[in-house]
Amino acid sequence: NVPVAGGQVTMVPKNTVALDGQSAEQILKLTEELEDHDDVQSVSANFDIPDELLEKAS
């Protein structure tokens, strides 16, 4: 037997929305604000942002 250290249910979108430019910046800012809010337990999204924009935003 192998002991279980943890488990998590993850939501994976079937459809994604491609974002770039200003839309990508806005959704990343919104997502960050939601994650930092005390009353929010988790944030799920279906956006697809190119890697170069994600690196630039970091």
Protein backbone atom coordinates (compact mmCIF):
# COMPACT_ATOMS: atom_id res chain seq x y z
CA ASN A 1 0.00 0.00 0.00
CA VAL A 2 1.10 3.51 -0.80
CA PRO A 3 -0.05 6.28 1.56
CA VAL A 4 -1.83 9.21 -0.09
CA ALA A 5 -0.15 12.54 0.65
CA GLY A 6 -2.92 14.68 -0.86
CA GLY A 7 -5.54 14.97 -3.52
CA GLN A 8 -7.12 17.67 -5.60
CA VAL A 9 -9.87 17.94 -8.19
CA THR A 10 -8.80 20.16 -11.09
CA MET A 11 -11.10 21.75 -13.64
CA VAL A 12 -9.73 21.57 -17.19
CA PRO A 13 -11.58 23.63 -19.83
CA LYS A 14 -12.75 21.97 -23.03
CA ASN A 15 -12.72 25.32 -24.85
CA THR A 16 -10.21 28.11 -24.42
CA VAL A 17 -10.23 31.78 -25.37
CA ALA A 18 -7.08 33.14 -27.00
CA LEU A 19 -6.05 36.49 -25.52
CA ASP A 20 -3.28 38.89 -26.43
CA GLY A 21 -2.27 42.49 -25.87
CA GLN A 22 -4.40 44.61 -23.60
CA SER A 23 -7.01 41.87 -23.02
CA ALA A 24 -4.32 39.53 -21.71
CA GLU A 25 -2.94 42.19 -19.37
CA GLN A 26 -6.41 42.97 -18.03
CA ILE A 27 -7.34 39.34 -17.37
CA LEU A 28 -4.01 38.63 -15.68
CA LYS A 29 -4.52 41.65 -13.41
CA LEU A 30 -8.09 40.55 -12.61
CA THR A 31 -6.97 36.98 -11.90
CA GLU A 32 -4.22 38.21 -9.57
CA GLU A 33 -6.66 40.49 -7.72
CA LEU A 34 -9.15 37.62 -7.30
CA GLU A 35 -6.46 35.25 -6.01
CA ASP A 36 -5.31 37.86 -3.46
CA HIS A 37 -8.85 38.47 -2.14
CA ASP A 38 -9.46 36.94 1.30
CA ASP A 39 -12.93 35.59 0.45
CA VAL A 40 -11.84 33.75 -2.73
CA GLN A 41 -10.77 30.12 -2.29
CA SER A 42 -9.77 29.32 -5.88
CA VAL A 43 -9.84 30.87 -9.35
CA SER A 44 -10.51 28.97 -12.59
CA ALA A 45 -10.22 30.38 -16.09
CA ASN A 46 -10.26 29.24 -19.71
CA PHE A 47 -7.95 31.81 -21.30
CA ASP A 48 -4.94 30.99 -23.45
CA ILE A 49 -2.18 33.59 -23.40
CA PRO A 50 1.04 33.22 -25.45
CA ASP A 51 4.12 32.35 -23.35
CA GLU A 52 6.00 35.50 -24.35
CA LEU A 53 3.18 37.66 -22.92
CA LEU A 54 3.13 35.63 -19.71
CA GLU A 55 6.90 36.06 -19.31
CA LYS A 56 6.60 39.79 -19.97
CA ALA A 57 3.86 40.13 -17.35
CA SER A 58 5.85 38.29 -14.66
